């Protein structure tokens, strides 16, 4: 399989010392198994980076042309498989905008609940693996990892009781949602949200009172506001560099305008700033889930309840770009419909793909050990990088 290097090497001025070219990945654990960083080193100092991708391509955009609108959400969820609900969300919004389908209010709220629970689950996995990647120097990286996985399992329990799956869901459907919440689910969800809220305080105490963590995160991997806007990053990376951009607030969808929440912004632009943005997002997502449960309307969960076959879902001719605020930033789906039961063409915008482009700009000048911390702070998921 051929690979593609999306960026040119960005190098520091040559000091005259001996240089070594080293591969970090694709087998390296902190490279997620499918990312290759070609590092140019002078001793332990990184002076240049080539980011090489293309090891996980599954042709999912082309697959969309072979599957019906009702079948495809289960494929969309395989892009960002850490936050599968988000990918499904972008896809169905695009189809609904072309077809001018009105989604019932109850379904809109259920979508928001699941999207925010998915954000929490994604951030839990990010925090745990990031601390684990940085290793024993934290004096508790493995402990934080186990704690975060413990809480993430509670969220996955909620998803399992709702849709029967823990990773890939197919919950979002054109016109609404596939399932309604079962009896007792809302109460269990509230208990889980309250528990995770308390545990976040524990994570913060363990990390922010740890001098090793602060040394590994503060002042490392600086992304200036200008660089963030030039490269086109989004999500916590963009907000960690001082740009208050969140699609849930800037372009509300699925009734997000009904909820009160804060868009966290940090200005330092380093790994610690990105960490702080995500820690605040934890609590804001939990706040949104509580509000949605308290105000959950009665009514149908789909505007197309009479459909008996997936082939009956047809979208008239048209095209639309729908985007949502995922755990890693903007997830977009550009959909072209020809009036049949299947899309004519589709193009995907993965947040991780765009965010990854910043790495060659911020890694040079750091030590090899810092590459792991910087890479983890970007939080890429390579299913939506290679697609």
Protein backbone atom coordinates (compact mmCIF):
# COMPACT_ATOMS: atom_id res chain seq x y z
CA UNK A 1 0.00 0.00 0.00
CA UNK A 2 1.34 3.44 -0.85
CA UNK A 3 1.55 6.04 1.88
CA UNK A 4 1.18 9.80 1.69
CA UNK A 5 3.18 12.42 3.55
CA UNK A 6 0.74 15.34 3.94
CA UNK A 7 3.32 17.85 5.10
CA UNK A 8 6.88 18.79 4.25
CA UNK A 9 9.59 18.48 6.86
CA UNK A 10 9.80 21.54 9.09
CA UNK A 11 13.36 21.85 10.36
CA UNK A 12 15.22 23.98 12.85
CA UNK A 13 18.41 25.66 11.71
CA UNK A 14 21.23 23.15 11.40
CA UNK A 15 23.70 23.46 14.28
CA UNK A 16 26.44 21.38 12.67
CA UNK A 17 26.00 18.34 14.94
CA UNK A 18 25.55 14.75 13.84
CA UNK A 19 22.04 13.95 12.68
CA UNK A 20 20.04 10.75 12.89
CA UNK A 21 16.82 9.87 11.09
CA UNK A 22 14.54 7.65 13.16
CA UNK A 23 11.12 6.13 12.61
CA UNK A 24 8.66 6.58 15.46
CA UNK A 25 5.86 4.22 14.55
CA UNK A 26 3.81 2.89 12.93
CA UNK A 27 4.18 0.11 15.51
CA UNK A 28 4.96 2.46 18.38
CA UNK A 29 2.17 2.24 21.01
CA UNK A 30 1.75 6.01 21.33
CA UNK A 31 1.49 6.24 17.51
CA UNK A 32 -1.77 4.26 17.71
CA UNK A 33 -0.21 1.51 15.62
CA UNK A 34 -0.86 3.20 12.27
CA UNK A 35 1.03 6.51 12.29
CA UNK A 36 4.63 6.96 11.23
CA UNK A 37 6.64 10.00 12.28
CA UNK A 38 10.06 10.25 10.62
CA UNK A 39 12.11 12.22 13.15
CA UNK A 40 15.33 14.01 12.31
CA UNK A 41 17.39 14.15 15.52
CA UNK A 42 20.44 15.92 16.82
CA UNK A 43 21.07 13.92 19.96
CA UNK A 44 17.77 13.92 21.85
CA UNK A 45 16.55 17.09 20.11
CA UNK A 46 13.99 16.77 17.31
CA UNK A 47 14.88 19.15 14.48
CA UNK A 48 12.53 17.87 11.79
CA UNK A 49 9.40 15.76 11.36
CA UNK A 50 7.74 14.05 8.40
CA UNK A 51 4.24 12.82 9.22
CA UNK A 52 3.35 9.73 7.17
CA UNK A 53 -0.21 8.41 7.03
CA UNK A 54 -2.18 5.95 4.91
CA UNK A 55 -1.89 2.67 6.83
CA UNK A 56 -5.59 2.38 7.75
CA UNK A 57 -7.44 3.31 4.57
CA UNK A 58 -10.75 1.45 4.17
CA UNK A 59 -12.40 3.41 1.36
CA UNK A 60 -15.43 4.32 3.45
CA UNK A 61 -16.37 7.32 1.29
CA UNK A 62 -16.66 5.03 -1.74
CA UNK A 63 -18.57 2.47 0.30
CA UNK A 64 -21.30 5.07 0.84
CA UNK A 65 -22.27 4.70 -2.82
CA UNK A 66 -23.10 1.02 -2.34
CA UNK A 67 -25.22 1.25 0.82
CA UNK A 68 -28.62 2.78 1.47
CA UNK A 69 -29.10 5.85 3.62
CA UNK A 70 -30.45 3.66 6.41
CA UNK A 71 -27.53 1.22 6.22
CA UNK A 72 -24.66 3.67 6.08
CA UNK A 73 -24.60 5.13 9.65
CA UNK A 74 -23.05 1.87 10.88
CA UNK A 75 -20.18 2.44 8.42
CA UNK A 76 -19.80 6.12 9.32
CA UNK A 77 -19.28 5.08 12.94
CA UNK A 78 -16.13 3.20 11.89
CA UNK A 79 -14.27 6.43 11.05
CA UNK A 80 -13.80 7.92 14.51
CA UNK A 81 -14.43 4.63 16.28
CA UNK A 82 -13.67 6.23 19.67
CA UNK A 83 -16.63 8.58 19.20
CA UNK A 84 -18.83 6.67 16.76
CA UNK A 85 -22.02 8.53 17.65
CA UNK A 86 -20.52 11.79 16.38
CA UNK A 87 -19.76 10.42 12.92
CA UNK A 88 -23.26 9.04 12.54
CA UNK A 89 -24.61 12.43 13.58
CA UNK A 90 -22.84 14.33 10.77
CA UNK A 91 -24.00 11.87 8.13
CA UNK A 92 -27.71 11.88 8.98
CA UNK A 93 -27.75 15.67 9.32
CA UNK A 94 -26.47 16.02 5.75
CA UNK A 95 -29.14 13.66 4.37
CA UNK A 96 -31.89 15.38 6.39
CA UNK A 97 -30.88 18.84 5.17
CA UNK A 98 -31.05 17.74 1.51
CA UNK A 99 -34.42 16.04 2.00
CA UNK A 100 -35.74 18.86 4.24
CA UNK A 101 -36.72 16.29 6.87
CA UNK A 102 -37.87 17.64 10.23
CA UNK A 103 -36.60 15.56 13.14
CA UNK A 104 -38.97 15.21 16.13
CA UNK A 105 -37.93 17.14 19.23
CA UNK A 106 -37.58 14.01 21.34
CA UNK A 107 -35.21 12.50 18.79
CA UNK A 108 -33.17 15.71 18.73
CA UNK A 109 -32.75 15.57 22.51
CA UNK A 110 -31.84 11.87 22.43
CA UNK A 111 -29.20 12.66 19.83
CA UNK A 112 -27.74 15.37 22.04
CA UNK A 113 -27.67 13.08 25.08
CA UNK A 114 -25.79 10.38 23.20
CA UNK A 115 -23.43 12.86 21.51
CA UNK A 116 -22.42 14.35 24.86
CA UNK A 117 -22.07 10.99 26.57
CA UNK A 118 -19.87 9.98 23.63
CA UNK A 119 -17.74 13.11 24.12
CA UNK A 120 -17.27 12.16 27.78
CA UNK A 121 -16.32 8.57 26.87
CA UNK A 122 -13.87 9.82 24.24
CA UNK A 123 -12.21 12.30 26.60
CA UNK A 124 -11.91 9.59 29.25
CA UNK A 125 -10.04 7.35 26.84
CA UNK A 126 -7.88 10.28 25.74
CA UNK A 127 -6.94 11.28 29.29
CA UNK A 128 -6.16 7.73 30.39
CA UNK A 129 -4.05 6.80 27.38
CA UNK A 130 -2.26 10.16 27.33
CA UNK A 131 -1.12 9.74 30.92
CA UNK A 132 -0.20 6.11 30.24
CA UNK A 133 1.85 7.13 27.19
CA UNK A 134 3.81 9.65 29.25
CA UNK A 135 4.66 6.78 31.56
CA UNK A 136 6.05 6.24 35.00
CA UNK A 137 7.51 9.75 35.25
CA UNK A 138 4.04 10.89 36.25
CA UNK A 139 4.12 8.61 39.27
CA UNK A 140 0.63 7.38 38.46
CA UNK A 141 0.06 7.32 34.71
CA UNK A 142 -1.21 3.75 34.83
CA UNK A 143 -3.45 4.62 37.78
CA UNK A 144 -5.16 7.43 35.90
CA UNK A 145 -5.56 5.12 32.91
CA UNK A 146 -7.34 2.48 34.97
CA UNK A 147 -9.55 5.07 36.64
CA UNK A 148 -10.57 6.58 33.29
CA UNK A 149 -11.33 3.17 31.77
CA UNK A 150 -13.41 2.37 34.84
CA UNK A 151 -15.60 5.43 34.25
CA UNK A 152 -15.69 4.94 30.49
CA UNK A 153 -17.10 1.45 30.99
CA UNK A 154 -20.06 3.01 32.81
CA UNK A 155 -20.85 5.15 29.77
CA UNK A 156 -20.49 2.14 27.49
CA UNK A 157 -22.90 0.26 29.76
CA UNK A 158 -25.46 3.00 29.01
CA UNK A 159 -24.89 2.65 25.28
CA UNK A 160 -25.15 -1.12 25.49
CA UNK A 161 -28.48 -0.95 27.29
CA UNK A 162 -29.71 1.55 24.70
CA UNK A 163 -28.55 0.01 21.40
CA UNK A 164 -27.03 -3.36 22.31
CA UNK A 165 -23.46 -2.36 21.38
CA UNK A 166 -20.47 -0.80 23.13
CA UNK A 167 -18.33 0.61 20.30
CA UNK A 168 -20.19 0.94 16.97
CA UNK A 169 -23.85 1.80 17.29
CA UNK A 170 -26.03 2.67 14.28
CA UNK A 171 -28.18 4.70 16.66
CA UNK A 172 -28.67 7.75 14.45
CA UNK A 173 -31.02 7.26 11.50
CA UNK A 174 -32.27 9.63 8.81
CA UNK A 175 -35.30 11.27 10.39
CA UNK A 176 -34.55 10.45 14.00
CA UNK A 177 -33.07 7.68 16.11
CA UNK A 178 -33.29 3.91 15.87
CA UNK A 179 -34.27 3.36 19.53
CA UNK A 180 -35.96 5.14 22.40
CA UNK A 181 -34.55 4.94 25.93
CA UNK A 182 -35.71 1.84 27.86
CA UNK A 183 -37.40 2.03 31.28
CA UNK A 184 -35.02 3.11 34.05
CA UNK A 185 -32.34 4.28 31.61
CA UNK A 186 -32.69 7.97 32.45
CA UNK A 187 -32.24 7.32 36.18
CA UNK A 188 -29.14 5.18 35.58
CA UNK A 189 -27.78 7.86 33.29
CA UNK A 190 -28.20 10.55 35.96
CA UNK A 191 -26.41 8.40 38.51
CA UNK A 192 -23.54 7.76 36.08
CA UNK A 193 -23.23 11.45 35.22
CA UNK A 194 -23.09 12.43 38.89
CA UNK A 195 -20.45 9.79 39.61
CA UNK A 196 -18.21 10.83 36.72
CA UNK A 197 -18.55 14.48 37.76
CA UNK A 198 -17.12 13.62 41.18
CA UNK A 199 -14.33 11.52 39.68
CA UNK A 200 -13.15 14.41 37.50
CA UNK A 201 -12.23 16.30 40.67
CA UNK A 202 -10.07 13.32 41.64
CA UNK A 203 -8.31 13.28 38.25
CA UNK A 204 -7.48 16.97 38.56
CA UNK A 205 -6.04 16.61 42.03
CA UNK A 206 -3.87 13.68 40.96
CA UNK A 207 -2.49 15.51 37.92
CA UNK A 208 -2.38 19.21 38.74
CA UNK A 209 -0.62 18.62 42.05
CA UNK A 210 1.93 16.42 40.30
CA UNK A 211 5.12 18.36 39.38
CA UNK A 212 6.12 15.71 36.83
CA UNK A 213 2.84 16.11 34.94
CA UNK A 214 3.15 19.90 34.96
CA UNK A 215 6.72 19.67 33.67
CA UNK A 216 5.65 17.37 30.83
CA UNK A 217 2.64 19.50 29.81
CA UNK A 218 3.30 23.18 30.49
CA UNK A 219 5.16 25.06 27.78
CA UNK A 220 5.32 21.96 25.56
CA UNK A 221 3.91 21.79 22.02
CA UNK A 222 2.94 25.44 21.67
CA UNK A 223 0.31 26.23 19.03
CA UNK A 224 -0.07 29.96 18.53
CA UNK A 225 -3.44 31.41 17.60
CA UNK A 226 -2.05 32.38 14.20
CA UNK A 227 -0.74 28.88 13.50
CA UNK A 228 -4.02 27.33 14.66
CA UNK A 229 -5.99 29.45 12.23
CA UNK A 230 -3.52 28.99 9.36
CA UNK A 231 -3.43 25.19 9.61
CA UNK A 232 -7.18 24.84 10.12
CA UNK A 233 -7.29 22.86 13.33
CA UNK A 234 -10.48 22.67 15.37
CA UNK A 235 -11.93 21.44 18.64
CA UNK A 236 -9.93 21.49 21.88
CA UNK A 237 -6.73 22.29 19.96
CA UNK A 238 -8.23 25.47 18.54
CA UNK A 239 -9.86 26.52 21.81
CA UNK A 240 -6.63 25.79 23.66
CA UNK A 241 -4.97 28.42 21.47
CA UNK A 242 -7.42 31.18 22.32
CA UNK A 243 -10.10 30.79 19.64
CA UNK A 244 -13.61 30.48 21.09
CA UNK A 245 -15.10 28.38 18.28
CA UNK A 246 -17.59 25.61 19.03
CA UNK A 247 -20.12 24.57 16.38
CA UNK A 248 -22.68 23.74 19.04
CA UNK A 249 -22.74 27.45 19.89
CA UNK A 250 -21.72 29.04 16.57
CA UNK A 251 -24.08 26.99 14.37
CA UNK A 252 -26.51 25.17 16.70
CA UNK A 253 -28.00 21.92 15.47
CA UNK A 254 -30.34 19.34 17.00
CA UNK A 255 -31.66 21.87 19.56
CA UNK A 256 -28.27 22.73 21.10
CA UNK A 257 -29.60 26.28 21.36
CA UNK A 258 -31.93 25.00 24.12
CA UNK A 259 -29.06 24.17 26.48
CA UNK A 260 -26.92 26.28 28.75
CA UNK A 261 -23.23 25.44 28.55
CA UNK A 262 -19.88 27.20 28.46
CA UNK A 263 -17.28 27.03 25.69
CA UNK A 264 -13.91 26.67 27.49
CA UNK A 265 -10.99 28.66 26.09
CA UNK A 266 -7.32 28.74 27.09
CA UNK A 267 -4.71 31.04 25.60
CA UNK A 268 -1.38 29.33 26.39
CA UNK A 269 -1.63 26.96 23.41
CA UNK A 270 0.46 24.22 25.08
CA UNK A 271 -0.31 20.65 26.09
CA UNK A 272 -1.56 21.83 29.47
CA UNK A 273 -3.98 24.30 27.86
CA UNK A 274 -5.45 21.54 25.71
CA UNK A 275 -5.76 19.37 28.80
CA UNK A 276 -7.61 22.14 30.68
CA UNK A 277 -10.03 22.69 27.79
CA UNK A 278 -10.97 19.02 27.78
CA UNK A 279 -11.35 18.87 31.57
CA UNK A 280 -13.86 21.73 31.44
CA UNK A 281 -15.60 20.08 28.49
CA UNK A 282 -16.13 17.01 30.66
CA UNK A 283 -18.28 19.00 33.06
CA UNK A 284 -20.05 20.98 30.36
CA UNK A 285 -21.06 17.79 28.54
CA UNK A 286 -22.38 16.32 31.78
CA UNK A 287 -24.32 19.54 32.35
CA UNK A 288 -25.91 19.26 28.89
CA UNK A 289 -26.89 15.62 29.52
CA UNK A 290 -28.62 16.58 32.77
CA UNK A 291 -30.55 19.38 31.07
CA UNK A 292 -31.61 17.14 28.18
CA UNK A 293 -32.84 14.43 30.55
CA UNK A 294 -34.77 16.95 32.65
CA UNK A 295 -36.46 18.49 29.59
CA UNK A 296 -36.81 15.38 27.42
CA UNK A 297 -40.02 15.89 25.40
CA UNK A 298 -42.65 13.27 24.79
CA UNK A 299 -43.42 12.16 21.27
CA UNK A 300 -42.06 10.05 18.42
CA UNK A 301 -38.37 9.32 17.90
CA UNK A 302 -38.54 9.43 14.10
CA UNK A 303 -40.31 11.46 11.44
CA UNK A 304 -40.39 8.33 9.24
CA UNK A 305 -42.06 5.70 11.46
CA UNK A 306 -43.92 3.95 8.64
CA UNK A 307 -40.85 2.70 6.79
CA UNK A 308 -40.72 -1.09 6.51
CA UNK A 309 -37.58 -1.38 4.41
CA UNK A 310 -34.24 0.38 4.38
CA UNK A 311 -34.64 0.80 0.62
CA UNK A 312 -37.63 3.09 1.24
CA UNK A 313 -35.40 5.89 2.59
CA UNK A 314 -34.84 8.07 -0.45
CA UNK A 315 -33.24 11.50 -0.57
CA UNK A 316 -34.12 13.88 -3.45
CA UNK A 317 -31.44 15.37 -5.69
CA UNK A 318 -29.25 17.90 -3.96
CA UNK A 319 -26.07 18.40 -2.00
CA UNK A 320 -25.22 19.66 1.45
CA UNK A 321 -22.30 19.91 3.87
CA UNK A 322 -23.26 19.16 7.48
CA UNK A 323 -20.84 19.54 10.36
CA UNK A 324 -20.94 18.78 14.05
CA UNK A 325 -18.65 19.45 17.00
CA UNK A 326 -16.97 16.15 17.81
CA UNK A 327 -14.63 15.30 20.64
CA UNK A 328 -11.66 16.19 18.42
CA UNK A 329 -13.26 19.08 16.55
CA UNK A 330 -15.26 19.61 13.37
CA UNK A 331 -16.59 16.43 11.77
CA UNK A 332 -18.16 17.16 8.40
CA UNK A 333 -20.01 15.22 5.74
CA UNK A 334 -20.46 16.59 2.20
CA UNK A 335 -23.21 14.55 0.60
CA UNK A 336 -24.49 14.53 -2.98
CA UNK A 337 -27.85 12.81 -3.57
CA UNK A 338 -29.29 11.77 -6.94
CA UNK A 339 -32.80 10.82 -5.82
CA UNK A 340 -32.12 7.11 -5.29
CA UNK A 341 -31.92 5.12 -2.07
CA UNK A 342 -28.11 5.49 -2.00
CA UNK A 343 -25.81 8.53 -2.00
CA UNK A 344 -24.25 9.51 -5.33
CA UNK A 345 -21.02 10.82 -3.75
CA UNK A 346 -19.73 11.61 -0.29
CA UNK A 347 -16.67 13.43 1.06
CA UNK A 348 -15.68 13.24 4.72
CA UNK A 349 -13.97 15.88 6.85
CA UNK A 350 -12.27 14.20 9.79
CA UNK A 351 -11.15 16.43 12.65
CA UNK A 352 -8.10 14.25 13.33
CA UNK A 353 -6.85 14.59 9.75
CA UNK A 354 -6.79 18.38 9.89
CA UNK A 355 -5.43 18.50 13.43
CA UNK A 356 -2.59 16.15 12.55
CA UNK A 357 -1.18 18.72 10.12
CA UNK A 358 0.02 20.85 13.03
CA UNK A 359 2.48 18.25 14.37
CA UNK A 360 5.45 19.06 12.08
CA UNK A 361 5.12 22.71 13.13
CA UNK A 362 5.15 22.18 16.89
CA UNK A 363 7.37 19.12 17.48
CA UNK A 364 10.76 20.46 16.24
CA UNK A 365 12.74 21.98 19.10
CA UNK A 366 11.53 19.42 21.66
CA UNK A 367 13.05 16.24 23.03
CA UNK A 368 12.08 12.78 21.75
CA UNK A 369 10.18 12.12 24.98
CA UNK A 370 8.09 15.24 24.35
CA UNK A 371 6.87 13.84 21.02
CA UNK A 372 4.69 11.39 22.95
CA UNK A 373 3.17 14.14 25.10
CA UNK A 374 2.52 16.41 22.11
CA UNK A 375 1.07 13.62 19.98
CA UNK A 376 -1.24 12.57 22.80
CA UNK A 377 -2.42 16.13 23.39
CA UNK A 378 -3.57 16.30 19.77
CA UNK A 379 -5.65 13.12 20.33
CA UNK A 380 -5.86 11.79 16.75
CA UNK A 381 -7.97 8.77 15.84
CA UNK A 382 -6.62 7.29 12.65
CA UNK A 383 -9.86 5.81 11.41
CA UNK A 384 -10.87 9.36 10.43
CA UNK A 385 -7.35 10.31 9.29
CA UNK A 386 -6.95 7.64 6.61
CA UNK A 387 -10.68 6.92 6.18
